[in-house]
Amino acid sequence: MNSENAYTLSKTLLDILACPACKGEIAYDEAAQKLVCVGTCKRRYPIREGIPVMLIDEAEMPDEELR
């Protein structure tokens, strides 16, 4: 596994995904290989080997200092 491999997600997939925590919309951060909630919780979900890991327990919480 090489974490520097960049994967691209289809727009169709991004259109149907929602944050499992707050049900907000998701934005794709291709450089960081993360899906970012643009809803209320702002969690960041990892993408591993091209597969979004949309588990609340796997998500990174936003930094408190950025709020």
N, C-alpha and C. Protein backbone atom coordinates (compact mmCIF):
# COMPACT_ATOMS: atom_id res chain seq x y z
N MET A 1 0.83 -1.19 0.00
CA MET A 1 0.00 0.00 0.00
C MET A 1 0.87 1.25 0.00
N ASN A 2 0.62 2.09 -0.92
CA ASN A 2 1.34 3.35 -0.99
C ASN A 2 0.35 4.47 -0.76
N SER A 3 0.50 5.20 0.35
CA SER A 3 -0.45 6.25 0.69
C SER A 3 -0.36 7.45 -0.24
N GLU A 4 0.68 7.47 -1.10
CA GLU A 4 0.83 8.59 -2.01
C GLU A 4 0.07 8.38 -3.32
N ASN A 5 -0.51 7.19 -3.51
CA ASN A 5 -1.31 6.96 -4.71
C ASN A 5 -2.57 7.79 -4.62
N ALA A 6 -2.84 8.55 -5.68
CA ALA A 6 -4.04 9.38 -5.71
C ALA A 6 -5.12 8.65 -6.48
N TYR A 7 -6.30 8.62 -5.93
CA TYR A 7 -7.45 8.01 -6.57
C TYR A 7 -8.45 9.12 -6.88
N THR A 8 -9.26 8.89 -7.88
CA THR A 8 -10.30 9.84 -8.24
C THR A 8 -11.65 9.16 -8.04
N LEU A 9 -12.57 9.86 -7.41
CA LEU A 9 -13.92 9.34 -7.20
C LEU A 9 -14.85 9.97 -8.23
N SER A 10 -15.81 9.20 -8.67
CA SER A 10 -16.74 9.70 -9.68
C SER A 10 -17.70 10.71 -9.07
N LYS A 11 -18.14 11.64 -9.89
CA LYS A 11 -19.11 12.65 -9.44
C LYS A 11 -20.42 11.98 -9.04
N THR A 12 -20.78 10.92 -9.71
CA THR A 12 -22.01 10.19 -9.38
C THR A 12 -21.95 9.65 -7.96
N LEU A 13 -20.81 9.08 -7.60
CA LEU A 13 -20.64 8.56 -6.24
C LEU A 13 -20.70 9.70 -5.23
N LEU A 14 -20.01 10.78 -5.51
CA LEU A 14 -19.99 11.92 -4.58
C LEU A 14 -21.38 12.51 -4.40
N ASP A 15 -22.19 12.48 -5.46
CA ASP A 15 -23.55 13.03 -5.38
C ASP A 15 -24.45 12.22 -4.46
N ILE A 16 -24.20 10.92 -4.32
CA ILE A 16 -25.08 10.10 -3.49
C ILE A 16 -24.58 9.92 -2.07
N LEU A 17 -23.30 10.21 -1.83
CA LEU A 17 -22.76 10.05 -0.47
C LEU A 17 -23.22 11.18 0.44
N ALA A 18 -23.44 10.84 1.70
CA ALA A 18 -23.76 11.83 2.72
C ALA A 18 -23.02 11.44 3.99
N CYS A 19 -22.76 12.41 4.81
CA CYS A 19 -22.07 12.15 6.08
C CYS A 19 -22.95 11.25 6.95
N PRO A 20 -22.42 10.14 7.42
CA PRO A 20 -23.23 9.26 8.27
C PRO A 20 -23.54 9.85 9.64
N ALA A 21 -22.77 10.83 10.07
CA ALA A 21 -22.99 11.42 11.40
C ALA A 21 -24.09 12.48 11.38
N CYS A 22 -24.01 13.43 10.44
CA CYS A 22 -24.98 14.55 10.45
C CYS A 22 -25.84 14.60 9.20
N LYS A 23 -25.60 13.69 8.26
CA LYS A 23 -26.33 13.60 7.00
C LYS A 23 -26.07 14.78 6.07
N GLY A 24 -24.98 15.52 6.33
CA GLY A 24 -24.60 16.66 5.49
C GLY A 24 -23.96 16.22 4.19
N GLU A 25 -23.78 17.17 3.30
CA GLU A 25 -23.13 16.90 2.02
C GLU A 25 -21.65 16.63 2.23
N ILE A 26 -21.06 15.96 1.24
CA ILE A 26 -19.66 15.57 1.30
C ILE A 26 -18.90 16.25 0.16
N ALA A 27 -17.70 16.75 0.47
CA ALA A 27 -16.81 17.31 -0.55
C ALA A 27 -15.57 16.41 -0.61
N TYR A 28 -14.99 16.32 -1.80
CA TYR A 28 -13.83 15.47 -2.02
C TYR A 28 -12.56 16.30 -1.99
N ASP A 29 -11.66 15.97 -1.05
CA ASP A 29 -10.35 16.60 -0.98
C ASP A 29 -9.37 15.61 -1.61
N GLU A 30 -9.15 15.77 -2.92
CA GLU A 30 -8.33 14.81 -3.65
C GLU A 30 -6.88 14.79 -3.18
N ALA A 31 -6.33 15.95 -2.85
CA ALA A 31 -4.94 16.02 -2.40
C ALA A 31 -4.72 15.25 -1.10
N ALA A 32 -5.66 15.37 -0.17
CA ALA A 32 -5.54 14.69 1.12
C ALA A 32 -6.15 13.29 1.09
N GLN A 33 -6.83 12.93 -0.01
CA GLN A 33 -7.54 11.67 -0.12
C GLN A 33 -8.49 11.47 1.06
N LYS A 34 -9.36 12.48 1.23
CA LYS A 34 -10.37 12.44 2.28
C LYS A 34 -11.68 12.97 1.74
N LEU A 35 -12.78 12.50 2.31
CA LEU A 35 -14.08 13.07 2.06
C LEU A 35 -14.40 13.94 3.26
N VAL A 36 -14.76 15.18 3.01
CA VAL A 36 -14.96 16.16 4.07
C VAL A 36 -16.44 16.53 4.15
N CYS A 37 -16.99 16.43 5.34
CA CYS A 37 -18.38 16.83 5.55
C CYS A 37 -18.46 18.35 5.49
N VAL A 38 -19.36 18.86 4.66
CA VAL A 38 -19.58 20.30 4.60
C VAL A 38 -20.86 20.66 5.35
N GLY A 39 -21.40 19.69 6.08
CA GLY A 39 -22.56 19.90 6.93
C GLY A 39 -22.13 20.44 8.29
N THR A 40 -22.84 20.07 9.32
CA THR A 40 -22.60 20.65 10.64
C THR A 40 -21.41 20.04 11.38
N CYS A 41 -21.09 18.77 11.15
CA CYS A 41 -20.05 18.13 11.98
C CYS A 41 -18.63 18.31 11.45
N LYS A 42 -18.45 18.50 10.15
CA LYS A 42 -17.13 18.75 9.52
C LYS A 42 -16.15 17.60 9.66
N ARG A 43 -16.64 16.38 9.86
CA ARG A 43 -15.74 15.23 9.96
C ARG A 43 -15.04 15.00 8.62
N ARG A 44 -13.87 14.33 8.69
CA ARG A 44 -13.10 13.99 7.49
C ARG A 44 -12.95 12.47 7.45
N TYR A 45 -13.44 11.88 6.36
CA TYR A 45 -13.43 10.43 6.21
C TYR A 45 -12.30 10.02 5.26
N PRO A 46 -11.51 9.01 5.64
CA PRO A 46 -10.38 8.61 4.79
C PRO A 46 -10.84 7.85 3.55
N ILE A 47 -9.98 7.87 2.54
CA ILE A 47 -10.17 7.05 1.35
C ILE A 47 -8.96 6.13 1.30
N ARG A 48 -9.22 4.84 1.35
CA ARG A 48 -8.14 3.85 1.37
C ARG A 48 -8.21 3.01 0.11
N GLU A 49 -7.14 3.05 -0.67
CA GLU A 49 -7.05 2.31 -1.93
C GLU A 49 -8.26 2.57 -2.82
N GLY A 50 -8.68 3.83 -2.85
CA GLY A 50 -9.78 4.24 -3.72
C GLY A 50 -11.16 3.99 -3.16
N ILE A 51 -11.26 3.50 -1.93
CA ILE A 51 -12.55 3.18 -1.32
C ILE A 51 -12.82 4.12 -0.15
N PRO A 52 -13.92 4.88 -0.21
CA PRO A 52 -14.27 5.76 0.91
C PRO A 52 -14.63 4.93 2.15
N VAL A 53 -14.05 5.29 3.27
CA VAL A 53 -14.36 4.62 4.54
C VAL A 53 -15.28 5.55 5.32
N MET A 54 -16.58 5.33 5.15
CA MET A 54 -17.59 6.22 5.71
C MET A 54 -18.09 5.70 7.06
N LEU A 55 -17.16 5.44 7.95
CA LEU A 55 -17.49 4.98 9.30
C LEU A 55 -17.21 6.11 10.28
N ILE A 56 -18.16 6.40 11.13
CA ILE A 56 -18.01 7.50 12.09
C ILE A 56 -16.77 7.29 12.96
N ASP A 57 -16.52 6.05 13.37
CA ASP A 57 -15.36 5.76 14.22
C ASP A 57 -14.02 5.97 13.51
N GLU A 58 -14.02 5.93 12.19
CA GLU A 58 -12.79 6.11 11.41
C GLU A 58 -12.56 7.57 11.02
N ALA A 59 -13.53 8.42 11.22
CA ALA A 59 -13.46 9.82 10.79
C ALA A 59 -12.57 10.64 11.72
N GLU A 60 -11.94 11.63 11.13
CA GLU A 60 -11.17 12.61 11.91
C GLU A 60 -12.09 13.78 12.23
N MET A 61 -12.03 14.22 13.45
CA MET A 61 -12.82 15.37 13.86
C MET A 61 -12.09 16.65 13.43
N PRO A 62 -12.84 17.73 13.18
CA PRO A 62 -12.17 18.99 12.81
C PRO A 62 -11.36 19.51 14.01
N ASP A 63 -10.29 20.21 13.70
CA ASP A 63 -9.48 20.80 14.76
C ASP A 63 -10.27 21.90 15.44
N GLU A 64 -10.23 21.90 16.75
CA GLU A 64 -10.95 22.90 17.53
C GLU A 64 -10.49 24.32 17.20
N GLU A 65 -9.20 24.48 16.91
CA GLU A 65 -8.66 25.80 16.66
C GLU A 65 -9.16 26.38 15.33
N LEU A 66 -9.66 25.53 14.42
CA LEU A 66 -10.15 26.02 13.14
C LEU A 66 -11.60 26.50 13.21
N ARG A 67 -12.26 26.25 14.31
CA ARG A 67 -13.66 26.66 14.46
C ARG A 67 -13.78 28.10 14.85
